[in-house]
Amino acid sequence: LDVINKRPVLLAQASVRPNLSALPKGYEDAEFTSLIPLIAIIKEGLIIRYRIKANATKRPKSGPMEGKRIALGADDTKLWWTERALDAGLLLVDEPTLVSDTLIGALPEKNRLTLRPWQIDGVASIADDTKLTATLQAGIGRGRAYGCGMLSVAVLRTR
């Protein structure tokens, strides 16, 4: 979920074209944009601007929180993202900016679910176009069902 011009905007990514006619009344501004044109121009060396809302977590191996997922702070999230960016075929060009958020939801037959995602923005160079294409299509991490992990990119210039 994003906010554009003070209106909520729901961004969804799917491997098939969604049936927008099935949306409830009030979603009349819904539109579909294919990733195919973007994927067609992705090549190594391109400079891109990126954004991802990431639910960066870790599982402590000992202590009272052993085995439970806990949210990372800003510094640890930057390290987490630097590793994931490399796995996604990106070389970070600048220090990413982070903005924290809190998402609260529920799981069937369970307690409340709280995510503490970070919106991460920055500039990167494409180091591996195959990895980046796969990441754009699949997303990153475990919070994808809750709106996290969708990597968005825009081409800035070539090297």
N, C-alpha and C. Protein backbone atom coordinates (compact mmCIF):
# COMPACT_ATOMS: atom_id res chain seq x y z
N LEU A 1 0.86 -1.17 0.00
CA LEU A 1 0.00 0.00 0.00
C LEU A 1 0.90 1.23 0.00
N ASP A 2 0.57 2.16 -0.87
CA ASP A 2 1.32 3.41 -0.97
C ASP A 2 0.31 4.55 -0.93
N VAL A 3 0.77 5.76 -0.78
CA VAL A 3 -0.11 6.93 -0.81
C VAL A 3 0.42 7.87 -1.88
N ILE A 4 -0.44 8.20 -2.84
CA ILE A 4 -0.09 9.12 -3.92
C ILE A 4 -1.17 10.19 -3.97
N ASN A 5 -0.77 11.45 -3.90
CA ASN A 5 -1.73 12.56 -3.87
C ASN A 5 -2.77 12.37 -2.76
N LYS A 6 -2.32 11.94 -1.61
CA LYS A 6 -3.15 11.73 -0.42
C LYS A 6 -4.23 10.67 -0.61
N ARG A 7 -4.07 9.80 -1.60
CA ARG A 7 -5.01 8.70 -1.82
C ARG A 7 -4.26 7.39 -1.70
N PRO A 8 -4.87 6.39 -1.05
CA PRO A 8 -4.20 5.09 -0.96
C PRO A 8 -4.12 4.43 -2.34
N VAL A 9 -2.97 3.85 -2.62
CA VAL A 9 -2.76 3.15 -3.89
C VAL A 9 -2.24 1.76 -3.54
N LEU A 10 -2.93 0.77 -4.02
CA LEU A 10 -2.54 -0.61 -3.78
C LEU A 10 -1.75 -1.11 -4.98
N LEU A 11 -0.51 -1.51 -4.74
CA LEU A 11 0.33 -2.07 -5.79
C LEU A 11 0.37 -3.57 -5.60
N ALA A 12 0.08 -4.30 -6.66
CA ALA A 12 0.11 -5.76 -6.61
C ALA A 12 0.91 -6.26 -7.79
N GLN A 13 1.61 -7.34 -7.59
CA GLN A 13 2.39 -7.94 -8.67
C GLN A 13 1.91 -9.36 -8.87
N ALA A 14 1.67 -9.72 -10.12
CA ALA A 14 1.16 -11.05 -10.43
C ALA A 14 1.82 -11.57 -11.70
N SER A 15 1.89 -12.88 -11.82
CA SER A 15 2.49 -13.47 -13.01
C SER A 15 1.48 -13.57 -14.16
N VAL A 16 0.21 -13.33 -13.88
CA VAL A 16 -0.83 -13.30 -14.93
C VAL A 16 -1.58 -11.98 -14.82
N ARG A 17 -2.16 -11.56 -15.93
CA ARG A 17 -2.92 -10.31 -15.94
C ARG A 17 -4.13 -10.43 -15.00
N PRO A 18 -4.27 -9.51 -14.06
CA PRO A 18 -5.40 -9.61 -13.13
C PRO A 18 -6.72 -9.26 -13.80
N ASN A 19 -7.80 -9.83 -13.28
CA ASN A 19 -9.14 -9.52 -13.75
C ASN A 19 -9.64 -8.32 -12.95
N LEU A 20 -9.44 -7.13 -13.49
CA LEU A 20 -9.78 -5.92 -12.76
C LEU A 20 -11.29 -5.72 -12.63
N SER A 21 -12.07 -6.36 -13.48
CA SER A 21 -13.53 -6.22 -13.40
C SER A 21 -14.08 -6.85 -12.12
N ALA A 22 -13.32 -7.70 -11.49
CA ALA A 22 -13.77 -8.36 -10.27
C ALA A 22 -13.53 -7.53 -9.02
N LEU A 23 -12.89 -6.37 -9.16
CA LEU A 23 -12.62 -5.52 -8.00
C LEU A 23 -13.91 -4.88 -7.49
N PRO A 24 -13.98 -4.61 -6.19
CA PRO A 24 -15.18 -3.97 -5.63
C PRO A 24 -15.36 -2.55 -6.15
N LYS A 25 -16.57 -2.04 -6.00
CA LYS A 25 -16.88 -0.67 -6.39
C LYS A 25 -15.94 0.29 -5.65
N GLY A 26 -15.47 1.30 -6.34
CA GLY A 26 -14.54 2.25 -5.73
C GLY A 26 -13.10 2.04 -6.18
N TYR A 27 -12.87 0.97 -6.90
CA TYR A 27 -11.53 0.70 -7.43
C TYR A 27 -11.48 1.00 -8.92
N GLU A 28 -12.26 1.98 -9.33
CA GLU A 28 -12.38 2.27 -10.76
C GLU A 28 -11.09 2.77 -11.40
N ASP A 29 -10.15 3.22 -10.61
CA ASP A 29 -8.89 3.72 -11.16
C ASP A 29 -7.85 2.62 -11.32
N ALA A 30 -8.26 1.38 -11.16
CA ALA A 30 -7.31 0.27 -11.25
C ALA A 30 -6.74 0.18 -12.66
N GLU A 31 -5.46 -0.14 -12.73
CA GLU A 31 -4.82 -0.31 -14.04
C GLU A 31 -3.76 -1.39 -13.95
N PHE A 32 -3.36 -1.87 -15.09
CA PHE A 32 -2.38 -2.94 -15.20
C PHE A 32 -1.18 -2.41 -15.97
N THR A 33 0.00 -2.66 -15.44
CA THR A 33 1.24 -2.31 -16.13
C THR A 33 2.11 -3.56 -16.18
N SER A 34 2.55 -3.92 -17.35
CA SER A 34 3.38 -5.11 -17.53
C SER A 34 4.84 -4.80 -17.21
N LEU A 35 5.52 -5.78 -16.64
CA LEU A 35 6.96 -5.66 -16.40
C LEU A 35 7.78 -5.94 -17.66
N ILE A 36 7.15 -6.48 -18.69
CA ILE A 36 7.89 -6.91 -19.89
C ILE A 36 8.70 -5.78 -20.52
N PRO A 37 8.16 -4.56 -20.72
CA PRO A 37 8.99 -3.50 -21.31
C PRO A 37 10.21 -3.15 -20.45
N LEU A 38 10.05 -3.15 -19.13
CA LEU A 38 11.18 -2.87 -18.24
C LEU A 38 12.22 -3.98 -18.34
N ILE A 39 11.78 -5.21 -18.27
CA ILE A 39 12.71 -6.35 -18.34
C ILE A 39 13.47 -6.36 -19.66
N ALA A 40 12.81 -5.91 -20.73
CA ALA A 40 13.45 -5.90 -22.06
C ALA A 40 14.63 -4.94 -22.13
N ILE A 41 14.64 -3.88 -21.33
CA ILE A 41 15.74 -2.90 -21.42
C ILE A 41 16.78 -3.06 -20.32
N ILE A 42 16.54 -3.98 -19.39
CA ILE A 42 17.50 -4.19 -18.31
C ILE A 42 18.77 -4.82 -18.87
N LYS A 43 19.89 -4.17 -18.59
CA LYS A 43 21.18 -4.74 -19.00
C LYS A 43 22.24 -4.29 -18.01
N GLU A 44 23.28 -5.05 -17.94
CA GLU A 44 24.37 -4.75 -17.02
C GLU A 44 24.95 -3.37 -17.34
N GLY A 45 25.24 -2.62 -16.29
CA GLY A 45 25.81 -1.28 -16.45
C GLY A 45 24.79 -0.16 -16.33
N LEU A 46 23.50 -0.46 -16.47
CA LEU A 46 22.49 0.58 -16.32
C LEU A 46 22.47 1.07 -14.88
N ILE A 47 22.26 2.36 -14.72
CA ILE A 47 22.10 2.95 -13.40
C ILE A 47 20.60 3.09 -13.15
N ILE A 48 20.16 2.58 -12.02
CA ILE A 48 18.73 2.59 -11.70
C ILE A 48 18.48 3.21 -10.33
N ARG A 49 17.30 3.72 -10.17
CA ARG A 49 16.80 4.11 -8.85
C ARG A 49 15.91 2.97 -8.40
N TYR A 50 16.01 2.58 -7.13
CA TYR A 50 15.21 1.46 -6.65
C TYR A 50 14.44 1.84 -5.39
N ARG A 51 13.40 1.08 -5.13
CA ARG A 51 12.64 1.18 -3.88
C ARG A 51 12.15 -0.21 -3.53
N ILE A 52 12.26 -0.54 -2.26
CA ILE A 52 11.72 -1.80 -1.76
C ILE A 52 11.24 -1.57 -0.33
N LYS A 53 10.11 -2.13 -0.01
CA LYS A 53 9.66 -2.16 1.39
C LYS A 53 10.05 -3.54 1.89
N ALA A 54 10.98 -3.58 2.83
CA ALA A 54 11.56 -4.85 3.26
C ALA A 54 11.28 -5.11 4.73
N ASN A 55 10.90 -6.33 5.02
CA ASN A 55 10.69 -6.77 6.40
C ASN A 55 11.95 -7.52 6.83
N ALA A 56 12.98 -6.75 7.14
CA ALA A 56 14.28 -7.33 7.49
C ALA A 56 14.23 -7.89 8.91
N THR A 57 14.51 -9.19 9.04
CA THR A 57 14.44 -9.85 10.35
C THR A 57 15.63 -10.78 10.55
N LYS A 58 15.78 -11.22 11.79
CA LYS A 58 16.76 -12.27 12.10
C LYS A 58 16.15 -13.17 13.16
N ARG A 59 16.71 -14.37 13.30
CA ARG A 59 16.30 -15.31 14.34
C ARG A 59 17.49 -15.54 15.27
N PRO A 60 17.41 -15.02 16.49
CA PRO A 60 18.51 -15.26 17.43
C PRO A 60 18.69 -16.75 17.70
N LYS A 61 19.94 -17.16 17.85
CA LYS A 61 20.26 -18.58 18.09
C LYS A 61 20.28 -18.93 19.57
N SER A 62 20.16 -17.91 20.43
CA SER A 62 20.12 -18.16 21.88
C SER A 62 19.40 -17.00 22.56
N GLY A 63 19.11 -17.20 23.83
CA GLY A 63 18.45 -16.15 24.60
C GLY A 63 16.93 -16.29 24.60
N PRO A 64 16.25 -15.34 25.21
CA PRO A 64 14.80 -15.43 25.37
C PRO A 64 14.03 -15.38 24.04
N MET A 65 14.61 -14.82 23.01
CA MET A 65 13.94 -14.73 21.70
C MET A 65 14.45 -15.80 20.73
N GLU A 66 15.13 -16.81 21.24
CA GLU A 66 15.69 -17.86 20.40
C GLU A 66 14.63 -18.44 19.46
N GLY A 67 14.97 -18.47 18.17
CA GLY A 67 14.10 -19.06 17.17
C GLY A 67 12.97 -18.18 16.68
N LYS A 68 12.73 -17.05 17.34
CA LYS A 68 11.66 -16.15 16.92
C LYS A 68 12.23 -15.07 16.02
N ARG A 69 11.44 -14.65 15.05
CA ARG A 69 11.88 -13.58 14.16
C ARG A 69 11.74 -12.24 14.86
N ILE A 70 12.83 -11.46 14.81
CA ILE A 70 12.78 -10.12 15.37
C ILE A 70 13.20 -9.12 14.29
N ALA A 71 12.59 -7.95 14.33
CA ALA A 71 12.87 -6.91 13.35
C ALA A 71 14.26 -6.33 13.56
N LEU A 72 14.90 -5.97 12.46
CA LEU A 72 16.22 -5.34 12.51
C LEU A 72 16.08 -3.83 12.62
N GLY A 73 17.06 -3.20 13.26
CA GLY A 73 17.13 -1.75 13.31
C GLY A 73 17.71 -1.20 12.01
N ALA A 74 17.85 0.11 11.94
CA ALA A 74 18.28 0.77 10.71
C ALA A 74 19.65 0.29 10.23
N ASP A 75 20.65 0.28 11.10
CA ASP A 75 22.00 -0.10 10.67
C ASP A 75 22.04 -1.55 10.19
N ASP A 76 21.40 -2.45 10.94
CA ASP A 76 21.38 -3.86 10.52
C ASP A 76 20.57 -4.04 9.24
N THR A 77 19.54 -3.23 9.05
CA THR A 77 18.75 -3.32 7.82
C THR A 77 19.58 -2.89 6.62
N LYS A 78 20.43 -1.88 6.79
CA LYS A 78 21.30 -1.47 5.68
C LYS A 78 22.24 -2.61 5.29
N LEU A 79 22.80 -3.30 6.28
CA LEU A 79 23.66 -4.45 5.98
C LEU A 79 22.85 -5.56 5.32
N TRP A 80 21.67 -5.83 5.85
CA TRP A 80 20.77 -6.85 5.29
C TRP A 80 20.49 -6.53 3.82
N TRP A 81 20.16 -5.26 3.53
CA TRP A 81 19.83 -4.88 2.16
C TRP A 81 21.06 -4.95 1.25
N THR A 82 22.22 -4.56 1.74
CA THR A 82 23.43 -4.63 0.92
C THR A 82 23.67 -6.06 0.43
N GLU A 83 23.49 -7.04 1.31
CA GLU A 83 23.64 -8.45 0.92
C GLU A 83 22.56 -8.87 -0.07
N ARG A 84 21.31 -8.50 0.20
CA ARG A 84 20.21 -8.89 -0.69
C ARG A 84 20.33 -8.22 -2.05
N ALA A 85 20.80 -6.97 -2.06
CA ALA A 85 20.97 -6.25 -3.32
C ALA A 85 21.99 -6.97 -4.21
N LEU A 86 23.09 -7.41 -3.63
CA LEU A 86 24.08 -8.18 -4.40
C LEU A 86 23.47 -9.46 -4.95
N ASP A 87 22.69 -10.15 -4.11
CA ASP A 87 22.00 -11.37 -4.57
C ASP A 87 21.02 -11.07 -5.69
N ALA A 88 20.50 -9.83 -5.72
CA ALA A 88 19.53 -9.43 -6.74
C ALA A 88 20.20 -8.87 -7.99
N GLY A 89 21.54 -8.89 -8.03
CA GLY A 89 22.25 -8.41 -9.20
C GLY A 89 22.50 -6.91 -9.21
N LEU A 90 22.46 -6.28 -8.04
CA LEU A 90 22.66 -4.83 -7.95
C LEU A 90 23.93 -4.49 -7.18
N LEU A 91 24.62 -3.46 -7.63
CA LEU A 91 25.74 -2.86 -6.88
C LEU A 91 25.27 -1.50 -6.42
N LEU A 92 25.21 -1.28 -5.12
CA LEU A 92 24.72 -0.01 -4.60
C LEU A 92 25.70 1.11 -4.93
N VAL A 93 25.17 2.20 -5.47
CA VAL A 93 25.98 3.35 -5.86
C VAL A 93 26.06 4.36 -4.72
N ASP A 94 24.98 4.46 -3.95
CA ASP A 94 24.96 5.41 -2.84
C ASP A 94 24.45 4.72 -1.58
N GLU A 95 24.53 5.44 -0.49
CA GLU A 95 24.01 4.94 0.78
C GLU A 95 22.48 4.94 0.69
N PRO A 96 21.83 3.82 0.95
CA PRO A 96 20.37 3.80 0.86
C PRO A 96 19.74 4.63 1.98
N THR A 97 18.58 5.21 1.68
CA THR A 97 17.82 5.90 2.72
C THR A 97 16.74 4.96 3.22
N LEU A 98 16.47 5.01 4.51
CA LEU A 98 15.50 4.11 5.13
C LEU A 98 14.44 4.92 5.87
N VAL A 99 13.19 4.47 5.74
CA VAL A 99 12.08 5.03 6.49
C VAL A 99 11.34 3.86 7.10
N SER A 100 11.12 3.90 8.42
CA SER A 100 10.48 2.76 9.09
C SER A 100 8.96 2.88 9.03
N ASP A 101 8.31 1.74 9.23
CA ASP A 101 6.86 1.64 9.17
C ASP A 101 6.43 0.52 10.11
N THR A 102 5.15 0.41 10.37
CA THR A 102 4.60 -0.71 11.13
C THR A 102 3.34 -1.18 10.43
N LEU A 103 3.25 -2.46 10.15
CA LEU A 103 2.06 -3.06 9.55
C LEU A 103 1.49 -4.05 10.55
N ILE A 104 0.20 -3.96 10.79
CA ILE A 104 -0.45 -4.89 11.72
C ILE A 104 -1.53 -5.64 10.97
N GLY A 105 -1.51 -6.94 11.09
CA GLY A 105 -2.50 -7.79 10.44
C GLY A 105 -2.86 -8.94 11.36
N ALA A 106 -3.47 -9.94 10.79
CA ALA A 106 -3.86 -11.10 11.59
C ALA A 106 -3.67 -12.36 10.77
N LEU A 107 -3.39 -13.43 11.46
CA LEU A 107 -3.29 -14.75 10.85
C LEU A 107 -4.47 -15.58 11.32
N PRO A 108 -5.02 -16.44 10.47
CA PRO A 108 -6.12 -17.29 10.91
C PRO A 108 -5.71 -18.11 12.13
N GLU A 109 -6.58 -18.14 13.13
CA GLU A 109 -6.38 -18.95 14.33
C GLU A 109 -5.11 -18.60 15.11
N LYS A 110 -4.58 -17.41 14.89
CA LYS A 110 -3.38 -16.99 15.61
C LYS A 110 -3.57 -15.58 16.12
N ASN A 111 -2.58 -15.12 16.83
CA ASN A 111 -2.61 -13.76 17.35
C ASN A 111 -2.33 -12.75 16.25
N ARG A 112 -2.35 -11.52 16.65
CA ARG A 112 -2.05 -10.41 15.75
C ARG A 112 -0.64 -10.58 15.17
N LEU A 113 -0.49 -10.18 13.92
CA LEU A 113 0.79 -10.22 13.23
C LEU A 113 1.29 -8.79 13.08
N THR A 114 2.50 -8.52 13.53
CA THR A 114 3.07 -7.18 13.40
C THR A 114 4.37 -7.28 12.61
N LEU A 115 4.46 -6.48 11.55
CA LEU A 115 5.68 -6.38 10.76
C LEU A 115 6.24 -4.98 10.95
N ARG A 116 7.55 -4.88 10.94
CA ARG A 116 8.21 -3.59 11.06
C ARG A 116 9.11 -3.38 9.84
N PRO A 117 8.48 -3.14 8.69
CA PRO A 117 9.25 -3.01 7.46
C PRO A 117 9.94 -1.65 7.35
N TRP A 118 10.92 -1.63 6.49
CA TRP A 118 11.64 -0.41 6.15
C TRP A 118 11.43 -0.14 4.66
N GLN A 119 11.14 1.10 4.32
CA GLN A 119 11.16 1.49 2.91
C GLN A 119 12.60 1.90 2.62
N ILE A 120 13.20 1.23 1.65
CA ILE A 120 14.61 1.46 1.32
C ILE A 120 14.67 2.03 -0.09
N ASP A 121 15.30 3.20 -0.23
CA ASP A 121 15.43 3.87 -1.52
C ASP A 121 16.90 4.14 -1.79
N GLY A 122 17.28 4.10 -3.07
CA GLY A 122 18.64 4.42 -3.42
C GLY A 122 18.91 4.28 -4.90
N VAL A 123 20.18 4.35 -5.24
CA VAL A 123 20.64 4.24 -6.62
C VAL A 123 21.61 3.08 -6.69
N ALA A 124 21.51 2.30 -7.77
CA ALA A 124 22.38 1.14 -7.94
C ALA A 124 22.73 0.97 -9.41
N SER A 125 23.77 0.20 -9.64
CA SER A 125 24.16 -0.21 -10.98
C SER A 125 23.77 -1.68 -11.15
N ILE A 126 23.28 -2.02 -12.32
CA ILE A 126 22.92 -3.42 -12.57
C ILE A 126 24.19 -4.21 -12.86
N ALA A 127 24.49 -5.17 -12.00
CA ALA A 127 25.67 -6.01 -12.14
C ALA A 127 25.34 -7.34 -12.82
N ASP A 128 24.11 -7.81 -12.66
CA ASP A 128 23.70 -9.10 -13.23
C ASP A 128 22.23 -8.98 -13.64
N ASP A 129 22.00 -8.83 -14.96
CA ASP A 129 20.63 -8.62 -15.43
C ASP A 129 19.73 -9.83 -15.22
N THR A 130 20.28 -11.03 -15.26
CA THR A 130 19.48 -12.24 -15.04
C THR A 130 18.98 -12.30 -13.60
N LYS A 131 19.86 -12.02 -12.65
CA LYS A 131 19.46 -12.02 -11.24
C LYS A 131 18.42 -10.93 -10.96
N LEU A 132 18.63 -9.75 -11.54
CA LEU A 132 17.69 -8.66 -11.31
C LEU A 132 16.31 -9.00 -11.89
N THR A 133 16.28 -9.56 -13.08
CA THR A 133 15.00 -9.95 -13.69
C THR A 133 14.27 -10.95 -12.80
N ALA A 134 14.98 -11.94 -12.30
CA ALA A 134 14.36 -12.94 -11.42
C ALA A 134 13.83 -12.30 -10.15
N THR A 135 14.58 -11.35 -9.59
CA THR A 135 14.15 -10.68 -8.37
C THR A 135 12.93 -9.80 -8.61
N LEU A 136 12.90 -9.10 -9.74
CA LEU A 136 11.73 -8.28 -10.06
C LEU A 136 10.47 -9.14 -10.16
N GLN A 137 10.62 -10.34 -10.67
CA GLN A 137 9.47 -11.22 -10.85
C GLN A 137 9.06 -11.94 -9.56
N ALA A 138 10.02 -12.29 -8.72
CA ALA A 138 9.72 -13.10 -7.54
C ALA A 138 9.65 -12.31 -6.23
N GLY A 139 10.34 -11.19 -6.15
CA GLY A 139 10.40 -10.45 -4.90
C GLY A 139 11.49 -10.99 -3.99
N ILE A 140 11.58 -10.40 -2.80
CA ILE A 140 12.62 -10.75 -1.84
C ILE A 140 12.00 -10.97 -0.47
N GLY A 141 12.37 -12.05 0.17
CA GLY A 141 12.03 -12.24 1.57
C GLY A 141 10.71 -12.92 1.85
N ARG A 142 10.39 -12.97 3.16
CA ARG A 142 9.24 -13.72 3.64
C ARG A 142 7.99 -12.87 3.82
N GLY A 143 8.07 -11.56 3.71
CA GLY A 143 6.91 -10.71 3.96
C GLY A 143 6.13 -10.33 2.72
N ARG A 144 6.33 -11.04 1.62
CA ARG A 144 5.70 -10.66 0.36
C ARG A 144 4.18 -10.68 0.43
N ALA A 145 3.60 -11.60 1.17
CA ALA A 145 2.14 -11.67 1.28
C ALA A 145 1.58 -10.45 2.01
N TYR A 146 2.43 -9.69 2.66
CA TYR A 146 2.00 -8.52 3.42
C TYR A 146 2.49 -7.22 2.78
N GLY A 147 2.83 -7.27 1.51
CA GLY A 147 3.24 -6.08 0.79
C GLY A 147 4.71 -5.74 0.88
N CYS A 148 5.51 -6.63 1.42
CA CYS A 148 6.94 -6.39 1.51
C CYS A 148 7.67 -7.20 0.44
N GLY A 149 8.86 -6.75 0.09
CA GLY A 149 9.71 -7.53 -0.80
C GLY A 149 9.57 -7.26 -2.28
N MET A 150 8.65 -6.36 -2.67
CA MET A 150 8.50 -6.05 -4.09
C MET A 150 9.50 -4.96 -4.46
N LEU A 151 10.46 -5.31 -5.29
CA LEU A 151 11.48 -4.37 -5.72
C LEU A 151 10.97 -3.59 -6.92
N SER A 152 11.02 -2.26 -6.84
CA SER A 152 10.64 -1.39 -7.95
C SER A 152 11.90 -0.68 -8.43
N VAL A 153 12.05 -0.58 -9.74
CA VAL A 153 13.22 0.10 -10.30
C VAL A 153 12.80 1.04 -11.42
N ALA A 154 13.61 2.07 -11.62
CA ALA A 154 13.45 3.00 -12.74
C ALA A 154 14.84 3.29 -13.29
N VAL A 155 15.00 3.20 -14.59
CA VAL A 155 16.29 3.43 -15.22
C VAL A 155 16.63 4.92 -15.16
N LEU A 156 17.85 5.24 -14.71
CA LEU A 156 18.31 6.62 -14.67
C LEU A 156 19.16 6.96 -15.88
N ARG A 157 20.18 6.14 -16.13
CA ARG A 157 21.09 6.41 -17.25
C ARG A 157 21.99 5.20 -17.47
N THR A 158 22.72 5.20 -18.57
CA THR A 158 23.71 4.15 -18.81
C THR A 158 25.07 4.65 -18.36
N ARG A 159 25.98 3.71 -18.10
CA ARG A 159 27.33 4.08 -17.68
C ARG A 159 28.13 4.56 -18.85
